[in-house]
């Protein structure tokens, strides 16, 4: 059982949880961008754009990991 918990991050479920938490971060980035546009704050807008790019990259990496896992899920036995 401990081995299954240790390999959770490399399972499909772990990748789904990581993708959901990464996508959830997009909400705060959207709020940050909206506030930056309202305040005409260029530096905060650039920060939001870089953060959005990091989120997109992270989701792409998680998608690639999910494709690599295929049907080999450690939690399903």
C-alpha atoms as a PDB file:
ATOM      1  CA  UNK A   1       0.000   0.000   0.000  1.00  0.00           C
ATOM      2  CA  UNK A   2       2.841   2.433   0.773  1.00  0.00           C
ATOM      3  CA  UNK A   3       4.319   1.773  -2.660  1.00  0.00           C
ATOM      4  CA  UNK A   4       1.051   2.749  -4.343  1.00  0.00           C
ATOM      5  CA  UNK A   5       0.888   5.971  -2.335  1.00  0.00           C
ATOM      6  CA  UNK A   6       4.520   6.727  -3.176  1.00  0.00           C
ATOM      7  CA  UNK A   7       3.825   6.373  -6.905  1.00  0.00           C
ATOM      8  CA  UNK A   8       0.618   8.443  -6.776  1.00  0.00           C
ATOM      9  CA  UNK A   9       2.259  11.356  -8.577  1.00  0.00           C
ATOM     10  CA  UNK A  10       3.074   9.094 -11.523  1.00  0.00           C
ATOM     11  CA  UNK A  11      -0.452   7.696 -11.784  1.00  0.00           C
ATOM     12  CA  UNK A  12      -3.273   8.940 -13.979  1.00  0.00           C
ATOM     13  CA  UNK A  13      -5.127  10.135 -10.922  1.00  0.00           C
ATOM     14  CA  UNK A  14      -2.081  12.069  -9.744  1.00  0.00           C
ATOM     15  CA  UNK A  15      -1.714  13.709 -13.141  1.00  0.00           C
ATOM     16  CA  UNK A  16      -5.409  14.653 -13.138  1.00  0.00           C
ATOM     17  CA  UNK A  17      -5.079  16.202  -9.671  1.00  0.00           C
ATOM     18  CA  UNK A  18      -1.989  18.140 -10.765  1.00  0.00           C
ATOM     19  CA  UNK A  19      -3.732  19.357 -13.921  1.00  0.00           C
ATOM     20  CA  UNK A  20      -6.776  20.476 -11.951  1.00  0.00           C
ATOM     21  CA  UNK A  21      -4.697  22.389  -9.426  1.00  0.00           C
ATOM     22  CA  UNK A  22      -2.677  24.004 -12.215  1.00  0.00           C
ATOM     23  CA  UNK A  23      -5.834  25.004 -14.060  1.00  0.00           C
ATOM     24  CA  UNK A  24      -7.277  26.363 -10.816  1.00  0.00           C
ATOM     25  CA  UNK A  25      -4.287  28.715 -10.676  1.00  0.00           C
ATOM     26  CA  UNK A  26      -5.517  30.235 -13.922  1.00  0.00           C
ATOM     27  CA  UNK A  27      -8.391  31.837 -12.014  1.00  0.00           C
ATOM     28  CA  UNK A  28      -6.025  33.915  -9.883  1.00  0.00           C
ATOM     29  CA  UNK A  29      -3.975  34.857 -12.952  1.00  0.00           C
ATOM     30  CA  UNK A  30      -7.135  36.026 -14.719  1.00  0.00           C
ATOM     31  CA  UNK A  31      -8.056  38.152 -11.691  1.00  0.00           C
ATOM     32  CA  UNK A  32      -4.542  39.567 -11.601  1.00  0.00           C
ATOM     33  CA  UNK A  33      -4.695  40.459 -15.297  1.00  0.00           C
ATOM     34  CA  UNK A  34      -8.095  42.086 -14.915  1.00  0.00           C
ATOM     35  CA  UNK A  35      -6.900  44.201 -11.986  1.00  0.00           C
ATOM     36  CA  UNK A  36      -3.753  45.179 -13.887  1.00  0.00           C
ATOM     37  CA  UNK A  37      -5.817  46.305 -16.878  1.00  0.00           C
ATOM     38  CA  UNK A  38      -8.162  48.286 -14.659  1.00  0.00           C
ATOM     39  CA  UNK A  39      -5.215  50.024 -12.949  1.00  0.00           C
ATOM     40  CA  UNK A  40      -3.217  50.431 -16.189  1.00  0.00           C
ATOM     41  CA  UNK A  41      -0.322  48.678 -14.450  1.00  0.00           C
ATOM     42  CA  UNK A  42       1.928  47.394 -17.225  1.00  0.00           C
ATOM     43  CA  UNK A  43       4.330  45.562 -14.941  1.00  0.00           C
ATOM     44  CA  UNK A  44       1.551  43.561 -13.256  1.00  0.00           C
ATOM     45  CA  UNK A  45       0.053  42.832 -16.671  1.00  0.00           C
ATOM     46  CA  UNK A  46       3.392  41.446 -17.863  1.00  0.00           C
ATOM     47  CA  UNK A  47       3.591  39.356 -14.681  1.00  0.00           C
ATOM     48  CA  UNK A  48       0.124  37.953 -15.373  1.00  0.00           C
ATOM     49  CA  UNK A  49       1.093  37.123 -18.963  1.00  0.00           C
ATOM     50  CA  UNK A  50       4.224  35.284 -17.830  1.00  0.00           C
ATOM     51  CA  UNK A  51       2.217  33.414 -15.201  1.00  0.00           C
ATOM     52  CA  UNK A  52      -0.364  32.442 -17.829  1.00  0.00           C
ATOM     53  CA  UNK A  53       2.407  31.143 -20.078  1.00  0.00           C
ATOM     54  CA  UNK A  54       3.740  29.063 -17.179  1.00  0.00           C
ATOM     55  CA  UNK A  55       0.282  27.592 -16.587  1.00  0.00           C
ATOM     56  CA  UNK A  56      -0.123  26.688 -20.261  1.00  0.00           C
ATOM     57  CA  UNK A  57       3.327  25.081 -20.291  1.00  0.00           C
ATOM     58  CA  UNK A  58       2.567  23.150 -17.104  1.00  0.00           C
ATOM     59  CA  UNK A  59      -0.693  21.833 -18.517  1.00  0.00           C
ATOM     60  CA  UNK A  60       1.087  20.773 -21.725  1.00  0.00           C
ATOM     61  CA  UNK A  61       3.680  18.860 -19.709  1.00  0.00           C
ATOM     62  CA  UNK A  62       0.972  17.152 -17.657  1.00  0.00           C
ATOM     63  CA  UNK A  63      -0.911  16.241 -20.842  1.00  0.00           C
ATOM     64  CA  UNK A  64       2.262  14.690 -22.263  1.00  0.00           C
ATOM     65  CA  UNK A  65       2.760  12.726 -19.032  1.00  0.00           C
ATOM     66  CA  UNK A  66      -0.830  11.499 -19.205  1.00  0.00           C
ATOM     67  CA  UNK A  67      -0.295  10.288 -22.765  1.00  0.00           C
ATOM     68  CA  UNK A  68       2.869   8.459 -21.686  1.00  0.00           C
ATOM     69  CA  UNK A  69       1.083   6.656 -18.892  1.00  0.00           C
ATOM     70  CA  UNK A  70      -1.410   5.098 -21.272  1.00  0.00           C
ATOM     71  CA  UNK A  71      -3.236   2.246 -19.561  1.00  0.00           C
ATOM     72  CA  UNK A  72      -0.461   1.513 -17.048  1.00  0.00           C
ATOM     73  CA  UNK A  73      -1.987   2.950 -13.857  1.00  0.00           C
ATOM     74  CA  UNK A  74      -0.305   1.996 -10.572  1.00  0.00           C
ATOM     75  CA  UNK A  75      -3.427   2.662  -8.500  1.00  0.00           C
ATOM     76  CA  UNK A  76      -5.501   0.182 -10.457  1.00  0.00           C
ATOM     77  CA  UNK A  77      -3.066  -2.604  -9.712  1.00  0.00           C
END
